[in-house]
Amino acid sequence: MATFTKFYSFTENLSEKVHNLGSDTLTVALTDAAHAPVVTNTVLANLTQVAYTYCSTRVVTITSSAQTTGTYKLVLADLTLTATGGAIGPFRYVVLYNDTATNDELIGFFDYGSDVTIASGETFLIDFDGTNGAITLA
C-alpha cells in the first residue's frame, strides 16, 4: 500500500468548513513523477494531471465518516481504475481532492514509488485502508 501524505492546507480547510468529508464528492487525480505534487499545493489547478480519455470513473465512495471516543476516521471504498480503448499514464501519484469544494481543494496524495501505466483492458486498484481509514484524526 502506498503511503498517504496530506497537503498542509487540508488542516486549515477542515477548520474553516471547506470540507464536509461525510458528504462531499471526493475524487482522485493522477500525476506523473515529472509533475509530482508537493505538500504546499492547495487546489487541483496547482497540479498537472495525466489524460483521462480512457479512464473509468475517478469518484471515490465514502464508506463511513464518524468519530469514536474523539478519534475521527474516514473510510473509503477501494477504487478500481479501468483503462478502456487506450492506456492511462504513466502516473506515480494518486491525489485525493474535494470535487465539491469551490476550488477543488486538495486533501492528500499517495506515492506509488515508480511510474504506473494501465494498458487498455487492464485495471489498477487504489487500496484505501478499510481498517484504519484513509484519514484518521485524533
C-alpha atoms as a PDB file:
ATOM      1  CA  MET A   1       0.000   0.000   0.000  1.00  0.00           C
ATOM      2  CA  ALA A   2       1.301   3.442  -0.899  1.00  0.00           C
ATOM      3  CA  THR A   3       1.892   5.977   1.858  1.00  0.00           C
ATOM      4  CA  PHE A   4      -0.579   8.840   2.340  1.00  0.00           C
ATOM      5  CA  THR A   5       0.781  12.386   2.660  1.00  0.00           C
ATOM      6  CA  LYS A   6      -1.619  15.225   3.490  1.00  0.00           C
ATOM      7  CA  PHE A   7      -1.381  18.648   1.928  1.00  0.00           C
ATOM      8  CA  TYR A   8      -0.648  21.362   4.513  1.00  0.00           C
ATOM      9  CA  SER A   9      -3.741  23.349   3.530  1.00  0.00           C
ATOM     10  CA  PHE A  10      -6.002  20.400   4.358  1.00  0.00           C
ATOM     11  CA  THR A  11      -5.753  21.055   8.102  1.00  0.00           C
ATOM     12  CA  GLU A  12      -6.739  24.703   7.750  1.00  0.00           C
ATOM     13  CA  ASN A  13      -9.507  23.860   5.281  1.00  0.00           C
ATOM     14  CA  LEU A  14     -11.042  21.444   7.785  1.00  0.00           C
ATOM     15  CA  SER A  15     -11.068  24.181  10.411  1.00  0.00           C
ATOM     16  CA  GLU A  16     -12.653  26.685   8.030  1.00  0.00           C
ATOM     17  CA  LYS A  17     -15.502  24.457   6.777  1.00  0.00           C
ATOM     18  CA  VAL A  18     -14.157  23.885   3.273  1.00  0.00           C
ATOM     19  CA  HIS A  19     -14.578  20.110   3.591  1.00  0.00           C
ATOM     20  CA  ASN A  20     -17.526  18.002   4.706  1.00  0.00           C
ATOM     21  CA  LEU A  21     -15.833  14.649   4.403  1.00  0.00           C
ATOM     22  CA  GLY A  22     -19.033  12.782   5.146  1.00  0.00           C
ATOM     23  CA  SER A  23     -20.955  14.108   2.160  1.00  0.00           C
ATOM     24  CA  ASP A  24     -18.720  15.947  -0.322  1.00  0.00           C
ATOM     25  CA  THR A  25     -17.665  14.281  -3.580  1.00  0.00           C
ATOM     26  CA  LEU A  26     -14.092  13.045  -3.240  1.00  0.00           C
ATOM     27  CA  THR A  27     -12.212  12.253  -6.431  1.00  0.00           C
ATOM     28  CA  VAL A  28      -8.709  11.125  -7.390  1.00  0.00           C
ATOM     29  CA  ALA A  29      -6.361  12.842  -9.806  1.00  0.00           C
ATOM     30  CA  LEU A  30      -3.263  11.224 -11.313  1.00  0.00           C
ATOM     31  CA  THR A  31       0.103  12.928 -11.807  1.00  0.00           C
ATOM     32  CA  ASP A  32       3.438  11.682 -13.053  1.00  0.00           C
ATOM     33  CA  ALA A  33       6.903  11.896 -11.485  1.00  0.00           C
ATOM     34  CA  ALA A  34       7.816  14.966 -13.554  1.00  0.00           C
ATOM     35  CA  HIS A  35       4.807  16.806 -12.092  1.00  0.00           C
ATOM     36  CA  ALA A  36       4.895  15.496  -8.540  1.00  0.00           C
ATOM     37  CA  PRO A  37       2.562  17.101  -6.010  1.00  0.00           C
ATOM     38  CA  VAL A  38       4.175  18.941  -3.122  1.00  0.00           C
ATOM     39  CA  VAL A  39       2.687  19.415   0.344  1.00  0.00           C
ATOM     40  CA  THR A  40       2.311  23.169  -0.222  1.00  0.00           C
ATOM     41  CA  ASN A  41      -0.096  22.693  -3.184  1.00  0.00           C
ATOM     42  CA  THR A  42      -3.602  23.794  -2.243  1.00  0.00           C
ATOM     43  CA  VAL A  43      -6.017  23.281  -5.170  1.00  0.00           C
ATOM     44  CA  LEU A  44      -6.354  20.938  -8.133  1.00  0.00           C
ATOM     45  CA  ALA A  45      -5.286  23.702 -10.544  1.00  0.00           C
ATOM     46  CA  ASN A  46      -1.797  23.535  -8.938  1.00  0.00           C
ATOM     47  CA  LEU A  47      -1.299  20.071 -10.444  1.00  0.00           C
ATOM     48  CA  THR A  48      -0.530  18.816 -13.936  1.00  0.00           C
ATOM     49  CA  GLN A  49      -2.659  15.720 -14.445  1.00  0.00           C
ATOM     50  CA  VAL A  50      -2.379  12.835 -16.877  1.00  0.00           C
ATOM     51  CA  ALA A  51      -5.051  12.445 -19.584  1.00  0.00           C
ATOM     52  CA  TYR A  52      -8.218  10.613 -18.534  1.00  0.00           C
ATOM     53  CA  THR A  53      -9.582   9.918 -22.027  1.00  0.00           C
ATOM     54  CA  TYR A  54      -9.608   6.144 -21.458  1.00  0.00           C
ATOM     55  CA  CYS A  55     -10.190   6.113 -17.700  1.00  0.00           C
ATOM     56  CA  SER A  56     -13.208   4.861 -15.787  1.00  0.00           C
ATOM     57  CA  THR A  57     -14.708   6.952 -13.006  1.00  0.00           C
ATOM     58  CA  ARG A  58     -12.324   8.513 -10.509  1.00  0.00           C
ATOM     59  CA  VAL A  59     -15.006   9.310  -7.919  1.00  0.00           C
ATOM     60  CA  VAL A  60     -14.413   7.667  -4.548  1.00  0.00           C
ATOM     61  CA  THR A  61     -17.208   6.095  -2.487  1.00  0.00           C
ATOM     62  CA  ILE A  62     -17.316   7.105   1.172  1.00  0.00           C
ATOM     63  CA  THR A  63     -17.979   4.026   3.313  1.00  0.00           C
ATOM     64  CA  SER A  64     -18.130   5.826   6.661  1.00  0.00           C
ATOM     65  CA  SER A  65     -17.295   9.157   8.231  1.00  0.00           C
ATOM     66  CA  ALA A  66     -17.513   9.014  12.010  1.00  0.00           C
ATOM     67  CA  GLN A  67     -15.782   9.577  15.302  1.00  0.00           C
ATOM     68  CA  THR A  68     -15.458   7.253  18.277  1.00  0.00           C
ATOM     69  CA  THR A  69     -14.050   8.446  21.613  1.00  0.00           C
ATOM     70  CA  GLY A  70     -12.692  11.593  19.990  1.00  0.00           C
ATOM     71  CA  THR A  71     -10.969   9.938  17.034  1.00  0.00           C
ATOM     72  CA  TYR A  72     -12.425  10.641  13.580  1.00  0.00           C
ATOM     73  CA  LYS A  73     -11.997   8.107  10.800  1.00  0.00           C
ATOM     74  CA  LEU A  74     -12.862   8.475   7.111  1.00  0.00           C
ATOM     75  CA  VAL A  75     -13.204   5.079   5.460  1.00  0.00           C
ATOM     76  CA  LEU A  76     -13.228   4.996   1.660  1.00  0.00           C
ATOM     77  CA  ALA A  77     -14.119   2.061  -0.558  1.00  0.00           C
ATOM     78  CA  ASP A  78     -11.281   0.775  -2.700  1.00  0.00           C
ATOM     79  CA  LEU A  79     -11.385   2.256  -6.194  1.00  0.00           C
ATOM     80  CA  THR A  80     -10.529   0.306  -9.342  1.00  0.00           C
ATOM     81  CA  LEU A  81      -9.449   2.380 -12.321  1.00  0.00           C
ATOM     82  CA  THR A  82     -10.029   0.685 -15.669  1.00  0.00           C
ATOM     83  CA  ALA A  83      -8.429   1.632 -18.996  1.00  0.00           C
ATOM     84  CA  THR A  84     -10.790   1.173 -21.926  1.00  0.00           C
ATOM     85  CA  GLY A  85      -9.791   1.923 -25.527  1.00  0.00           C
ATOM     86  CA  GLY A  86      -6.273   3.104 -24.677  1.00  0.00           C
ATOM     87  CA  ALA A  87      -3.696   3.425 -21.925  1.00  0.00           C
ATOM     88  CA  ILE A  88      -3.748   5.653 -18.841  1.00  0.00           C
ATOM     89  CA  GLY A  89      -0.493   7.154 -17.649  1.00  0.00           C
ATOM     90  CA  PRO A  90       2.193   6.857 -16.835  1.00  0.00           C
ATOM     91  CA  PHE A  91       1.444   8.203 -13.361  1.00  0.00           C
ATOM     92  CA  ARG A  92       3.133   7.839  -9.976  1.00  0.00           C
ATOM     93  CA  TYR A  93       0.885   9.840  -7.643  1.00  0.00           C
ATOM     94  CA  VAL A  94      -2.784   9.419  -6.791  1.00  0.00           C
ATOM     95  CA  VAL A  95      -4.140  12.679  -5.379  1.00  0.00           C
ATOM     96  CA  LEU A  96      -7.327  12.831  -3.311  1.00  0.00           C
ATOM     97  CA  TYR A  97      -9.254  16.080  -3.676  1.00  0.00           C
ATOM     98  CA  ASN A  98     -12.656  17.527  -2.829  1.00  0.00           C
ATOM     99  CA  ASP A  99     -14.596  17.945  -6.056  1.00  0.00           C
ATOM    100  CA  THR A 100     -17.484  19.626  -4.204  1.00  0.00           C
ATOM    101  CA  ALA A 101     -15.333  22.399  -2.728  1.00  0.00           C
ATOM    102  CA  THR A 102     -15.298  25.655  -4.691  1.00  0.00           C
ATOM    103  CA  ASN A 103     -11.673  25.384  -5.846  1.00  0.00           C
ATOM    104  CA  ASP A 104     -11.292  21.581  -5.812  1.00  0.00           C
ATOM    105  CA  GLU A 105      -9.199  21.783  -2.648  1.00  0.00           C
ATOM    106  CA  LEU A 106      -6.580  19.093  -2.180  1.00  0.00           C
ATOM    107  CA  ILE A 107      -6.595  16.606   0.690  1.00  0.00           C
ATOM    108  CA  GLY A 108      -3.551  14.360   0.258  1.00  0.00           C
ATOM    109  CA  PHE A 109      -1.688  12.056  -2.076  1.00  0.00           C
ATOM    110  CA  PHE A 110      -0.332   8.541  -2.356  1.00  0.00           C
ATOM    111  CA  ASP A 111       3.134   7.918  -3.815  1.00  0.00           C
ATOM    112  CA  TYR A 112       3.413   4.574  -5.587  1.00  0.00           C
ATOM    113  CA  GLY A 113       7.214   4.823  -5.784  1.00  0.00           C
ATOM    114  CA  SER A 114       7.537   4.425  -9.558  1.00  0.00           C
ATOM    115  CA  ASP A 115       5.562   5.123 -12.704  1.00  0.00           C
ATOM    116  CA  VAL A 116       2.469   3.043 -13.429  1.00  0.00           C
ATOM    117  CA  THR A 117       0.759   2.693 -16.798  1.00  0.00           C
ATOM    118  CA  ILE A 118      -2.608   0.989 -17.124  1.00  0.00           C
ATOM    119  CA  ALA A 119      -2.826  -0.645 -20.550  1.00  0.00           C
ATOM    120  CA  SER A 120      -6.160  -0.870 -22.344  1.00  0.00           C
ATOM    121  CA  GLY A 121      -8.261  -3.585 -20.736  1.00  0.00           C
ATOM    122  CA  GLU A 122      -6.244  -3.547 -17.508  1.00  0.00           C
ATOM    123  CA  THR A 123      -7.160  -2.253 -14.073  1.00  0.00           C
ATOM    124  CA  PHE A 124      -5.389  -0.540 -11.182  1.00  0.00           C
ATOM    125  CA  LEU A 125      -6.623  -0.899  -7.615  1.00  0.00           C
ATOM    126  CA  ILE A 126      -6.360   2.056  -5.247  1.00  0.00           C
ATOM    127  CA  ASP A 127      -6.456   0.263  -1.914  1.00  0.00           C
ATOM    128  CA  PHE A 128      -7.727   2.660   0.730  1.00  0.00           C
ATOM    129  CA  ASP A 129      -7.172   1.359   4.269  1.00  0.00           C
ATOM    130  CA  GLY A 130     -10.540  -0.034   5.335  1.00  0.00           C
ATOM    131  CA  THR A 131      -9.385  -0.734   8.884  1.00  0.00           C
ATOM    132  CA  ASN A 132      -7.569   2.455   9.890  1.00  0.00           C
ATOM    133  CA  GLY A 133      -9.336   4.688   7.397  1.00  0.00           C
ATOM    134  CA  ALA A 134      -7.919   6.776   4.591  1.00  0.00           C
ATOM    135  CA  ILE A 135      -7.793   9.666   7.087  1.00  0.00           C
ATOM    136  CA  THR A 136      -7.697   9.397  10.873  1.00  0.00           C
ATOM    137  CA  LEU A 137      -7.777  12.463  13.097  1.00  0.00           C
ATOM    138  CA  ALA A 138      -7.235  12.230  16.837  1.00  0.00           C
END
